[in-house]
Amino acid sequence: MNGLDLVIIGIIMVFIGFIVVLLSIISAAGKSRVEGGGVIIIGPVPIVFGSNRNVTSLLLILAIILTLLTIIMFIVPMITYRGVP
């Protein structure tokens, strides 16, 4: 996997994020009750907040998955290219 592949994956992830936000706004337009929350990841530490326990639990699981994915993405290249100068 070279740098161009990572750039393409990043751009695709940004577009998927925009689509998810757009779909959530459209689906929440008819509802009178809105729940929300967020995840802020500073380094390896996720900070999770939400409007109720269900949203916070879901975002906590998402934060753990994102943190593990980030750690894996840092470790795999180091293991793969260990002997290459």
Protein backbone atom coordinates (compact mmCIF):
# COMPACT_ATOMS: atom_id res chain seq x y z
CA MET A 1 0.00 0.00 0.00
CA ASN A 2 1.61 3.24 -1.11
CA GLY A 3 0.87 6.85 -0.29
CA LEU A 4 -1.53 7.33 -3.20
CA ASP A 5 -3.69 4.45 -1.97
CA LEU A 6 -3.91 6.04 1.47
CA VAL A 7 -4.90 9.39 -0.04
CA ILE A 8 -7.65 7.73 -2.08
CA ILE A 9 -8.89 5.83 1.00
CA GLY A 10 -8.92 9.08 2.99
CA ILE A 11 -10.90 10.93 0.33
CA ILE A 12 -13.41 8.07 0.11
CA MET A 13 -13.81 8.09 3.91
CA VAL A 14 -14.48 11.85 3.89
CA PHE A 15 -17.18 11.42 1.24
CA ILE A 16 -18.74 8.55 3.18
CA GLY A 17 -18.79 10.80 6.26
CA PHE A 18 -20.57 13.55 4.33
CA ILE A 19 -23.14 11.06 3.06
CA VAL A 20 -23.77 9.68 6.56
CA VAL A 21 -24.26 13.19 7.97
CA LEU A 22 -26.57 14.12 5.10
CA LEU A 23 -28.66 10.97 5.53
CA SER A 24 -28.92 11.50 9.28
CA ILE A 25 -30.09 15.09 8.78
CA ILE A 26 -32.70 13.96 6.25
CA SER A 27 -33.94 11.13 8.49
CA ALA A 28 -34.11 13.41 11.56
CA ALA A 29 -36.01 16.16 9.75
CA GLY A 30 -39.46 14.67 10.48
CA LYS A 31 -38.78 13.68 14.08
CA SER A 32 -39.53 16.00 16.95
CA ARG A 33 -36.99 14.42 19.31
CA VAL A 34 -33.33 14.64 18.40
CA GLU A 35 -30.54 12.84 20.19
CA GLY A 36 -26.88 13.37 19.53
CA GLY A 37 -23.37 13.00 20.71
CA GLY A 38 -19.80 13.11 19.60
CA VAL A 39 -16.38 11.58 19.83
CA ILE A 40 -13.16 13.56 20.04
CA ILE A 41 -10.00 11.52 19.69
CA ILE A 42 -6.88 13.24 20.99
CA GLY A 43 -3.96 10.95 20.32
CA PRO A 44 -4.98 7.50 21.54
CA VAL A 45 -7.50 8.86 24.07
CA PRO A 46 -11.16 9.08 23.01
CA ILE A 47 -13.47 11.61 24.67
CA VAL A 48 -17.14 10.62 24.31
CA PHE A 49 -20.22 12.70 25.05
CA GLY A 50 -23.90 12.24 24.26
CA SER A 51 -27.43 13.31 25.10
CA ASN A 52 -28.42 9.99 26.72
CA ARG A 53 -26.98 6.65 27.79
CA ASN A 54 -27.81 4.78 24.53
CA VAL A 55 -26.10 7.34 22.31
CA THR A 56 -23.09 7.52 24.60
CA SER A 57 -22.75 3.71 24.70
CA LEU A 58 -22.90 3.48 20.91
CA LEU A 59 -20.34 6.24 20.50
CA LEU A 60 -18.07 4.63 23.10
CA ILE A 61 -18.06 1.40 21.07
CA LEU A 62 -17.34 3.44 17.93
CA ALA A 63 -14.49 5.26 19.69
CA ILE A 64 -12.93 1.97 20.82
CA ILE A 65 -13.14 0.58 17.27
CA LEU A 66 -11.61 3.75 15.80
CA THR A 67 -8.82 3.76 18.39
CA LEU A 68 -7.98 0.11 17.72
CA LEU A 69 -8.07 0.74 13.96
CA THR A 70 -5.69 3.67 14.37
CA ILE A 71 -3.28 1.63 16.48
CA ILE A 72 -3.38 -1.22 13.95
CA MET A 73 -2.69 1.20 11.08
CA PHE A 74 0.41 2.45 12.90
CA ILE A 75 1.69 -0.98 13.94
CA VAL A 76 1.18 -2.95 10.69
CA PRO A 77 3.55 -0.80 8.56
CA MET A 78 6.24 -1.02 11.25
CA ILE A 79 5.98 -4.83 11.28
CA THR A 80 5.77 -5.09 7.50
CA TYR A 81 8.79 -2.88 6.76
CA ARG A 82 10.94 -3.92 9.73
CA GLY A 83 13.95 -5.05 7.71
CA VAL A 84 13.74 -2.40 4.98
CA PRO A 85 16.11 0.58 5.48
